[in-house]
Amino acid sequence: MPPSLGEWLREARSITVLTGAGISTDSGIPDFRGPQGVWTKDPSAAALSSLDAYLADPQVRRRVWQARRDHPAWHAEPNAAHLALVKLERAGRLRAIVTQNIDGLHQAAGSSPKTVIEIHGTMREVECLECGLRTPTQQVLKRLEEGEADPPCLECGGIQKAATISFGQALRPQVLQAAVRAARSCDLFMAVGTSLTVHPAAGLCLEAVEHGARLVIVNAQPTPYDGIADAVLREPIGEALPGLVELALRDDRVTDGGS
């Protein structure tokens, strides 16, 4: 850890954190590209994330619904890294969490929905691709248990999918704009548990740096943005992120204790 990192963290008044799948692995949710990742173990699974395949093939949709039903996130609990960001928010030092994750664990940990920007959507809601109707995912999964392999929209009969962003599907403009604003307006940007290979989320690092923020990357594997980072940590996220938050809040605790 660079000796100046603690100073940077203590000085930062507006921190934006980009989180990827690596922050949720301690909660029992595998990542995608790591050594034990979903796509590393089964490259064919990546095809299930293609919007074109989903729309064209009822068999793909059935497989996706089965995978959604069995997703470990339904039984996962937030871990120490999620809880550390709640602490940072409550201290008034967190600008935003921009998450690539769809698991909802930041909100489950206690992060404010206003603070969390789900750039790739959420698995906890289902969206009709015809009329746009949103439905809680658990309601649709109940229909799956009752025998519907590919449940259509109850409003218009259209194809439904989780309210997530698949490959080949555009990000929602207002969500992307909020993420870009969060990157441009912070004084320290942390990328945590993300390979930084999926755009436009990965490009937020550059947005932050170009607008004067320091960049800290915490990830098990190298990323394309390591070269422009002020600090790169290759430590377990469940240990590293709580430690970084402790460093950031150290002066705050001293001040509170002395008042």
C-alpha atoms as a PDB file:
ATOM      1  CA  MET A   1       0.000   0.000   0.000  1.00  0.00           C
ATOM      2  CA  PRO A   2       1.491   3.373  -0.997  1.00  0.00           C
ATOM      3  CA  PRO A   3       2.349   5.416   2.119  1.00  0.00           C
ATOM      4  CA  SER A   4       0.400   8.387   0.753  1.00  0.00           C
ATOM      5  CA  LEU A   5      -2.817   6.375   0.235  1.00  0.00           C
ATOM      6  CA  GLY A   6      -3.999   6.939   3.788  1.00  0.00           C
ATOM      7  CA  GLU A   7      -3.506  10.675   3.387  1.00  0.00           C
ATOM      8  CA  TRP A   8      -5.435  10.720   0.108  1.00  0.00           C
ATOM      9  CA  LEU A   9      -8.306   8.820   1.692  1.00  0.00           C
ATOM     10  CA  ARG A  10      -8.465  11.092   4.732  1.00  0.00           C
ATOM     11  CA  GLU A  11      -8.409  14.197   2.530  1.00  0.00           C
ATOM     12  CA  ALA A  12     -11.138  12.961   0.171  1.00  0.00           C
ATOM     13  CA  ARG A  13     -14.488  14.610   0.820  1.00  0.00           C
ATOM     14  CA  SER A  14     -16.413  13.091  -2.104  1.00  0.00           C
ATOM     15  CA  ILE A  15     -15.630   9.459  -2.928  1.00  0.00           C
ATOM     16  CA  THR A  16     -17.239   7.541  -5.776  1.00  0.00           C
ATOM     17  CA  VAL A  17     -16.881   3.760  -5.764  1.00  0.00           C
ATOM     18  CA  LEU A  18     -17.332   1.546  -8.818  1.00  0.00           C
ATOM     19  CA  THR A  19     -18.051  -2.027  -7.745  1.00  0.00           C
ATOM     20  CA  GLY A  20     -17.970  -5.218  -9.773  1.00  0.00           C
ATOM     21  CA  ALA A  21     -18.615  -8.898  -9.203  1.00  0.00           C
ATOM     22  CA  GLY A  22     -15.526  -9.265  -7.017  1.00  0.00           C
ATOM     23  CA  ILE A  23     -17.144  -7.395  -4.142  1.00  0.00           C
ATOM     24  CA  SER A  24     -19.853 -10.057  -3.849  1.00  0.00           C
ATOM     25  CA  THR A  25     -17.735 -13.213  -4.009  1.00  0.00           C
ATOM     26  CA  ASP A  26     -17.407 -13.269  -0.205  1.00  0.00           C
ATOM     27  CA  SER A  27     -21.214 -13.417  -0.142  1.00  0.00           C
ATOM     28  CA  GLY A  28     -21.131 -16.649  -2.150  1.00  0.00           C
ATOM     29  CA  ILE A  29     -21.827 -15.132  -5.567  1.00  0.00           C
ATOM     30  CA  PRO A  30     -19.174 -16.159  -8.116  1.00  0.00           C
ATOM     31  CA  ASP A  31     -17.637 -13.565 -10.405  1.00  0.00           C
ATOM     32  CA  PHE A  32     -17.468 -13.952 -14.187  1.00  0.00           C
ATOM     33  CA  ARG A  33     -13.862 -13.666 -15.347  1.00  0.00           C
ATOM     34  CA  GLY A  34     -11.814 -14.729 -12.324  1.00  0.00           C
ATOM     35  CA  PRO A  35     -10.129 -18.140 -12.004  1.00  0.00           C
ATOM     36  CA  GLN A  36     -13.340 -19.589 -10.529  1.00  0.00           C
ATOM     37  CA  GLY A  37     -15.641 -17.337 -12.548  1.00  0.00           C
ATOM     38  CA  VAL A  38     -18.900 -18.416 -14.163  1.00  0.00           C
ATOM     39  CA  TRP A  39     -17.641 -17.772 -17.693  1.00  0.00           C
ATOM     40  CA  THR A  40     -14.174 -19.135 -16.965  1.00  0.00           C
ATOM     41  CA  LYS A  41     -15.629 -22.479 -15.928  1.00  0.00           C
ATOM     42  CA  ASP A  42     -18.346 -22.545 -18.605  1.00  0.00           C
ATOM     43  CA  PRO A  43     -17.662 -20.267 -21.611  1.00  0.00           C
ATOM     44  CA  SER A  44     -21.038 -21.221 -23.124  1.00  0.00           C
ATOM     45  CA  ALA A  45     -22.763 -19.478 -20.207  1.00  0.00           C
ATOM     46  CA  ALA A  46     -21.773 -16.106 -21.676  1.00  0.00           C
ATOM     47  CA  ALA A  47     -24.169 -16.766 -24.569  1.00  0.00           C
ATOM     48  CA  LEU A  48     -27.050 -16.570 -22.099  1.00  0.00           C
ATOM     49  CA  SER A  49     -26.172 -12.905 -21.584  1.00  0.00           C
ATOM     50  CA  SER A  50     -26.824 -11.998 -25.231  1.00  0.00           C
ATOM     51  CA  LEU A  51     -30.042 -10.080 -25.884  1.00  0.00           C
ATOM     52  CA  ASP A  52     -30.263 -11.361 -29.468  1.00  0.00           C
ATOM     53  CA  ALA A  53     -30.061 -14.995 -28.356  1.00  0.00           C
ATOM     54  CA  TYR A  54     -32.608 -14.355 -25.616  1.00  0.00           C
ATOM     55  CA  LEU A  55     -35.118 -12.821 -28.012  1.00  0.00           C
ATOM     56  CA  ALA A  56     -34.629 -15.383 -30.770  1.00  0.00           C
ATOM     57  CA  ASP A  57     -34.603 -18.660 -28.868  1.00  0.00           C
ATOM     58  CA  PRO A  58     -37.279 -19.795 -26.383  1.00  0.00           C
ATOM     59  CA  GLN A  59     -34.868 -22.493 -25.221  1.00  0.00           C
ATOM     60  CA  VAL A  60     -32.340 -19.830 -24.192  1.00  0.00           C
ATOM     61  CA  ARG A  61     -35.066 -17.983 -22.297  1.00  0.00           C
ATOM     62  CA  ARG A  62     -35.997 -21.164 -20.428  1.00  0.00           C
ATOM     63  CA  ARG A  63     -32.363 -21.704 -19.435  1.00  0.00           C
ATOM     64  CA  VAL A  64     -32.070 -18.087 -18.316  1.00  0.00           C
ATOM     65  CA  TRP A  65     -35.214 -18.317 -16.176  1.00  0.00           C
ATOM     66  CA  GLN A  66     -33.920 -21.497 -14.557  1.00  0.00           C
ATOM     67  CA  ALA A  67     -30.589 -19.811 -13.855  1.00  0.00           C
ATOM     68  CA  ARG A  68     -32.400 -16.780 -12.442  1.00  0.00           C
ATOM     69  CA  ARG A  69     -34.471 -18.997 -10.149  1.00  0.00           C
ATOM     70  CA  ASP A  70     -31.342 -20.748  -8.870  1.00  0.00           C
ATOM     71  CA  HIS A  71     -29.161 -17.634  -8.563  1.00  0.00           C
ATOM     72  CA  PRO A  72     -27.221 -17.600  -5.262  1.00  0.00           C
ATOM     73  CA  ALA A  73     -28.055 -13.923  -4.720  1.00  0.00           C
ATOM     74  CA  TRP A  74     -31.515 -14.849  -3.442  1.00  0.00           C
ATOM     75  CA  HIS A  75     -29.920 -16.332  -0.319  1.00  0.00           C
ATOM     76  CA  ALA A  76     -26.789 -14.168  -0.120  1.00  0.00           C
ATOM     77  CA  GLU A  77     -26.005 -11.768   2.702  1.00  0.00           C
ATOM     78  CA  PRO A  78     -23.977  -8.542   2.390  1.00  0.00           C
ATOM     79  CA  ASN A  79     -20.355  -8.959   3.426  1.00  0.00           C
ATOM     80  CA  ALA A  80     -17.802  -6.733   5.154  1.00  0.00           C
ATOM     81  CA  ALA A  81     -17.038  -4.808   1.960  1.00  0.00           C
ATOM     82  CA  HIS A  82     -20.693  -3.860   1.407  1.00  0.00           C
ATOM     83  CA  LEU A  83     -21.002  -2.817   5.051  1.00  0.00           C
ATOM     84  CA  ALA A  84     -17.850  -0.697   4.848  1.00  0.00           C
ATOM     85  CA  LEU A  85     -19.441   1.425   2.126  1.00  0.00           C
ATOM     86  CA  VAL A  86     -22.506   1.946   4.324  1.00  0.00           C
ATOM     87  CA  LYS A  87     -20.184   3.301   7.008  1.00  0.00           C
ATOM     88  CA  LEU A  88     -18.537   5.623   4.478  1.00  0.00           C
ATOM     89  CA  GLU A  89     -21.929   6.914   3.342  1.00  0.00           C
ATOM     90  CA  ARG A  90     -23.131   7.551   6.889  1.00  0.00           C
ATOM     91  CA  ALA A  91     -19.973   9.554   7.527  1.00  0.00           C
ATOM     92  CA  GLY A  92     -20.958  11.847   4.652  1.00  0.00           C
ATOM     93  CA  ARG A  93     -17.906  10.991   2.571  1.00  0.00           C
ATOM     94  CA  LEU A  94     -19.488   8.878  -0.183  1.00  0.00           C
ATOM     95  CA  ARG A  95     -20.587  10.583  -3.399  1.00  0.00           C
ATOM     96  CA  ALA A  96     -22.035   7.464  -5.028  1.00  0.00           C
ATOM     97  CA  ILE A  97     -21.742   3.729  -5.525  1.00  0.00           C
ATOM     98  CA  VAL A  98     -21.824   2.872  -9.206  1.00  0.00           C
ATOM     99  CA  THR A  99     -22.308  -0.877  -9.315  1.00  0.00           C
ATOM    100  CA  GLN A 100     -22.052  -3.298 -12.198  1.00  0.00           C
ATOM    101  CA  ASN A 101     -23.715  -5.892  -9.980  1.00  0.00           C
ATOM    102  CA  ILE A 102     -27.353  -6.844 -10.277  1.00  0.00           C
ATOM    103  CA  ASP A 103     -27.634  -8.615  -6.910  1.00  0.00           C
ATOM    104  CA  GLY A 104     -29.000  -5.760  -4.769  1.00  0.00           C
ATOM    105  CA  LEU A 105     -26.553  -6.436  -1.931  1.00  0.00           C
ATOM    106  CA  HIS A 106     -25.529  -2.785  -1.541  1.00  0.00           C
ATOM    107  CA  GLN A 107     -29.115  -1.854  -0.702  1.00  0.00           C
ATOM    108  CA  ALA A 108     -29.492  -4.962   1.476  1.00  0.00           C
ATOM    109  CA  ALA A 109     -26.448  -3.807   3.455  1.00  0.00           C
ATOM    110  CA  GLY A 110     -28.076  -0.436   4.122  1.00  0.00           C
ATOM    111  CA  SER A 111     -26.764   1.795   1.338  1.00  0.00           C
ATOM    112  CA  SER A 112     -29.319   4.408   0.320  1.00  0.00           C
ATOM    113  CA  PRO A 113     -31.111   3.695  -2.980  1.00  0.00           C
ATOM    114  CA  LYS A 114     -30.301   7.312  -3.889  1.00  0.00           C
ATOM    115  CA  THR A 115     -26.592   6.580  -3.488  1.00  0.00           C
ATOM    116  CA  VAL A 116     -26.527   3.324  -5.492  1.00  0.00           C
ATOM    117  CA  ILE A 117     -26.448   3.614  -9.284  1.00  0.00           C
ATOM    118  CA  GLU A 118     -27.149   0.182 -10.787  1.00  0.00           C
ATOM    119  CA  ILE A 119     -25.527   0.733 -14.146  1.00  0.00           C
ATOM    120  CA  HIS A 120     -26.320  -2.799 -15.358  1.00  0.00           C
ATOM    121  CA  GLY A 121     -29.798  -2.954 -13.833  1.00  0.00           C
ATOM    122  CA  THR A 122     -31.241  -5.272 -11.202  1.00  0.00           C
ATOM    123  CA  MET A 123     -32.229  -8.937 -11.070  1.00  0.00           C
ATOM    124  CA  ARG A 124     -34.860  -8.132  -8.456  1.00  0.00           C
ATOM    125  CA  GLU A 125     -37.277  -6.798 -11.059  1.00  0.00           C
ATOM    126  CA  VAL A 126     -38.501  -8.156 -14.393  1.00  0.00           C
ATOM    127  CA  GLU A 127     -39.258  -5.922 -17.360  1.00  0.00           C
ATOM    128  CA  CYS A 128     -41.516  -6.593 -20.341  1.00  0.00           C
ATOM    129  CA  LEU A 129     -39.568  -5.890 -23.521  1.00  0.00           C
ATOM    130  CA  GLU A 130     -42.795  -4.923 -25.305  1.00  0.00           C
ATOM    131  CA  CYS A 131     -44.736  -2.620 -22.971  1.00  0.00           C
ATOM    132  CA  GLY A 132     -42.100  -1.889 -20.306  1.00  0.00           C
ATOM    133  CA  LEU A 133     -44.162  -3.188 -17.365  1.00  0.00           C
ATOM    134  CA  ARG A 134     -42.005  -3.842 -14.295  1.00  0.00           C
ATOM    135  CA  THR A 135     -42.805  -6.727 -11.953  1.00  0.00           C
ATOM    136  CA  PRO A 136     -40.998  -8.042  -8.861  1.00  0.00           C
ATOM    137  CA  THR A 137     -38.916 -11.009  -9.970  1.00  0.00           C
ATOM    138  CA  GLN A 138     -40.250 -13.231  -7.201  1.00  0.00           C
ATOM    139  CA  GLN A 139     -43.758 -12.931  -8.669  1.00  0.00           C
ATOM    140  CA  VAL A 140     -42.505 -14.196 -12.021  1.00  0.00           C
ATOM    141  CA  LEU A 141     -40.464 -16.972 -10.407  1.00  0.00           C
ATOM    142  CA  LYS A 142     -43.638 -18.144  -8.678  1.00  0.00           C
ATOM    143  CA  ARG A 143     -45.190 -18.616 -12.123  1.00  0.00           C
ATOM    144  CA  LEU A 144     -42.095 -20.603 -13.069  1.00  0.00           C
ATOM    145  CA  GLU A 145     -42.676 -22.903 -10.104  1.00  0.00           C
ATOM    146  CA  GLU A 146     -46.286 -23.301 -11.229  1.00  0.00           C
ATOM    147  CA  GLY A 147     -45.148 -24.701 -14.563  1.00  0.00           C
ATOM    148  CA  GLU A 148     -44.605 -21.737 -16.916  1.00  0.00           C
ATOM    149  CA  ALA A 149     -41.191 -22.249 -18.527  1.00  0.00           C
ATOM    150  CA  ASP A 150     -41.076 -18.827 -20.237  1.00  0.00           C
ATOM    151  CA  PRO A 151     -43.610 -16.571 -18.467  1.00  0.00           C
ATOM    152  CA  PRO A 152     -44.985 -13.851 -20.788  1.00  0.00           C
ATOM    153  CA  CYS A 153     -46.078 -10.396 -19.652  1.00  0.00           C
ATOM    154  CA  LEU A 154     -49.501 -10.522 -18.000  1.00  0.00           C
ATOM    155  CA  GLU A 155     -50.317  -7.097 -19.434  1.00  0.00           C
ATOM    156  CA  CYS A 156     -49.527  -7.538 -23.139  1.00  0.00           C
ATOM    157  CA  GLY A 157     -48.186 -11.068 -23.625  1.00  0.00           C
ATOM    158  CA  GLY A 158     -44.721  -9.810 -24.547  1.00  0.00           C
ATOM    159  CA  ILE A 159     -41.358 -11.367 -23.747  1.00  0.00           C
ATOM    160  CA  GLN A 160     -40.099 -10.625 -20.247  1.00  0.00           C
ATOM    161  CA  LYS A 161     -36.546 -10.605 -18.931  1.00  0.00           C
ATOM    162  CA  ALA A 162     -34.810  -9.496 -15.779  1.00  0.00           C
ATOM    163  CA  ALA A 163     -34.402  -5.704 -15.650  1.00  0.00           C
ATOM    164  CA  THR A 164     -30.690  -6.118 -16.315  1.00  0.00           C
ATOM    165  CA  ILE A 165     -28.497  -5.017 -19.207  1.00  0.00           C
ATOM    166  CA  SER A 166     -27.580  -7.897 -21.512  1.00  0.00           C
ATOM    167  CA  PHE A 167     -24.851  -7.911 -24.149  1.00  0.00           C
ATOM    168  CA  GLY A 168     -26.240  -6.059 -27.147  1.00  0.00           C
ATOM    169  CA  GLN A 169     -28.615  -3.980 -25.019  1.00  0.00           C
ATOM    170  CA  ALA A 170     -28.065  -0.259 -24.525  1.00  0.00           C
ATOM    171  CA  LEU A 171     -27.655   1.174 -21.052  1.00  0.00           C
ATOM    172  CA  ARG A 172     -30.443   3.427 -19.870  1.00  0.00           C
ATOM    173  CA  PRO A 173     -29.287   6.966 -20.736  1.00  0.00           C
ATOM    174  CA  GLN A 174     -30.361   8.535 -17.441  1.00  0.00           C
ATOM    175  CA  VAL A 175     -28.516   5.864 -15.446  1.00  0.00           C
ATOM    176  CA  LEU A 176     -25.341   6.274 -17.482  1.00  0.00           C
ATOM    177  CA  GLN A 177     -25.552  10.064 -17.136  1.00  0.00           C
ATOM    178  CA  ALA A 178     -25.841   9.748 -13.352  1.00  0.00           C
ATOM    179  CA  ALA A 179     -22.791   7.465 -13.280  1.00  0.00           C
ATOM    180  CA  VAL A 180     -20.745   9.881 -15.394  1.00  0.00           C
ATOM    181  CA  ARG A 181     -21.717  12.790 -13.124  1.00  0.00           C
ATOM    182  CA  ALA A 182     -20.641  10.773 -10.085  1.00  0.00           C
ATOM    183  CA  ALA A 183     -17.261  10.049 -11.692  1.00  0.00           C
ATOM    184  CA  ARG A 184     -16.655  13.627 -12.791  1.00  0.00           C
ATOM    185  CA  SER A 185     -17.634  15.253  -9.488  1.00  0.00           C
ATOM    186  CA  CYS A 186     -15.661  13.127  -7.006  1.00  0.00           C
ATOM    187  CA  ASP A 187     -12.189  13.813  -5.636  1.00  0.00           C
ATOM    188  CA  LEU A 188     -11.308  10.119  -5.220  1.00  0.00           C
ATOM    189  CA  PHE A 189     -12.563   7.251  -7.391  1.00  0.00           C
ATOM    190  CA  MET A 190     -12.225   3.645  -6.265  1.00  0.00           C
ATOM    191  CA  ALA A 191     -12.743   0.701  -8.631  1.00  0.00           C
ATOM    192  CA  VAL A 192     -13.350  -2.390  -6.518  1.00  0.00           C
ATOM    193  CA  GLY A 193     -13.696  -5.981  -7.667  1.00  0.00           C
ATOM    194  CA  THR A 194     -14.029  -5.223 -11.357  1.00  0.00           C
ATOM    195  CA  SER A 195     -11.888  -6.309 -14.298  1.00  0.00           C
ATOM    196  CA  LEU A 196     -12.555  -2.923 -15.961  1.00  0.00           C
ATOM    197  CA  THR A 197     -13.064  -4.582 -19.336  1.00  0.00           C
ATOM    198  CA  VAL A 198     -16.774  -3.856 -19.818  1.00  0.00           C
ATOM    199  CA  HIS A 199     -17.628  -0.442 -21.228  1.00  0.00           C
ATOM    200  CA  PRO A 200     -18.945   2.127 -20.656  1.00  0.00           C
ATOM    201  CA  ALA A 201     -18.604   1.305 -16.928  1.00  0.00           C
ATOM    202  CA  ALA A 202     -14.837   0.833 -17.192  1.00  0.00           C
ATOM    203  CA  GLY A 203     -14.446   4.229 -18.829  1.00  0.00           C
ATOM    204  CA  LEU A 204     -15.668   5.936 -15.658  1.00  0.00           C
ATOM    205  CA  CYS A 205     -12.124   5.572 -14.305  1.00  0.00           C
ATOM    206  CA  LEU A 206     -10.826   7.818 -17.070  1.00  0.00           C
ATOM    207  CA  GLU A 207     -13.698  10.275 -16.595  1.00  0.00           C
ATOM    208  CA  ALA A 208     -12.736  10.625 -12.937  1.00  0.00           C
ATOM    209  CA  VAL A 209      -9.007  11.034 -13.600  1.00  0.00           C
ATOM    210  CA  GLU A 210      -9.567  13.587 -16.364  1.00  0.00           C
ATOM    211  CA  HIS A 211     -11.652  15.661 -13.954  1.00  0.00           C
ATOM    212  CA  GLY A 212      -8.975  15.692 -11.258  1.00  0.00           C
ATOM    213  CA  ALA A 213      -9.794  12.699  -9.055  1.00  0.00           C
ATOM    214  CA  ARG A 214      -7.272  10.237  -7.700  1.00  0.00           C
ATOM    215  CA  LEU A 215      -7.843   6.651  -8.842  1.00  0.00           C
ATOM    216  CA  VAL A 216      -7.509   3.628  -6.554  1.00  0.00           C
ATOM    217  CA  ILE A 217      -8.031   0.125  -7.985  1.00  0.00           C
ATOM    218  CA  VAL A 218      -8.665  -2.894  -5.760  1.00  0.00           C
ATOM    219  CA  ASN A 219      -8.876  -6.115  -7.758  1.00  0.00           C
ATOM    220  CA  ALA A 220      -7.394  -9.599  -7.672  1.00  0.00           C
ATOM    221  CA  GLN A 221      -6.355  -9.514 -11.336  1.00  0.00           C
ATOM    222  CA  PRO A 222      -4.616  -6.790 -13.401  1.00  0.00           C
ATOM    223  CA  THR A 223      -6.882  -4.310 -15.195  1.00  0.00           C
ATOM    224  CA  PRO A 224      -6.400  -2.134 -18.298  1.00  0.00           C
ATOM    225  CA  TYR A 225      -6.459   0.980 -16.094  1.00  0.00           C
ATOM    226  CA  ASP A 226      -3.722   0.012 -13.628  1.00  0.00           C
ATOM    227  CA  GLY A 227      -1.264   2.233 -15.501  1.00  0.00           C
ATOM    228  CA  ILE A 228      -3.178   5.446 -14.770  1.00  0.00           C
ATOM    229  CA  ALA A 229      -4.094   4.550 -11.176  1.00  0.00           C
ATOM    230  CA  ASP A 230      -2.562   6.353  -8.212  1.00  0.00           C
ATOM    231  CA  ALA A 231      -2.690   3.105  -6.233  1.00  0.00           C
ATOM    232  CA  VAL A 232      -3.378  -0.534  -7.123  1.00  0.00           C
ATOM    233  CA  LEU A 233      -4.127  -3.108  -4.411  1.00  0.00           C
ATOM    234  CA  ARG A 234      -4.101  -6.866  -5.014  1.00  0.00           C
ATOM    235  CA  GLU A 235      -5.662  -7.833  -1.704  1.00  0.00           C
ATOM    236  CA  PRO A 236      -8.857  -9.710  -0.801  1.00  0.00           C
ATOM    237  CA  ILE A 237     -11.661  -7.184  -1.157  1.00  0.00           C
ATOM    238  CA  GLY A 238     -13.382  -8.249   2.052  1.00  0.00           C
ATOM    239  CA  GLU A 239     -10.250  -7.177   3.919  1.00  0.00           C
ATOM    240  CA  ALA A 240      -8.955  -4.354   1.737  1.00  0.00           C
ATOM    241  CA  LEU A 241     -12.097  -2.231   1.410  1.00  0.00           C
ATOM    242  CA  PRO A 242     -12.978  -2.136   5.130  1.00  0.00           C
ATOM    243  CA  GLY A 243      -9.336  -1.222   5.765  1.00  0.00           C
ATOM    244  CA  LEU A 244      -9.463   1.618   3.257  1.00  0.00           C
ATOM    245  CA  VAL A 245     -12.672   2.958   4.792  1.00  0.00           C
ATOM    246  CA  GLU A 246     -11.064   2.828   8.245  1.00  0.00           C
ATOM    247  CA  LEU A 247      -8.165   4.891   6.887  1.00  0.00           C
ATOM    248  CA  ALA A 248     -10.563   7.389   5.318  1.00  0.00           C
ATOM    249  CA  LEU A 249     -12.487   7.881   8.564  1.00  0.00           C
ATOM    250  CA  ARG A 250      -9.557   7.859  10.982  1.00  0.00           C
ATOM    251  CA  ASP A 251      -9.360  11.651  11.348  1.00  0.00           C
ATOM    252  CA  ASP A 252     -13.162  11.853  11.617  1.00  0.00           C
ATOM    253  CA  ARG A 253     -13.127   9.544  14.654  1.00  0.00           C
ATOM    254  CA  VAL A 254     -10.334  11.507  16.302  1.00  0.00           C
ATOM    255  CA  THR A 255     -12.280  14.736  15.778  1.00  0.00           C
ATOM    256  CA  ASP A 256     -15.530  13.231  17.075  1.00  0.00           C
ATOM    257  CA  GLY A 257     -13.784  11.780  20.102  1.00  0.00           C
ATOM    258  CA  GLY A 258     -12.219  15.091  21.002  1.00  0.00           C
ATOM    259  CA  SER A 259     -15.336  17.215  20.677  1.00  0.00           C
END
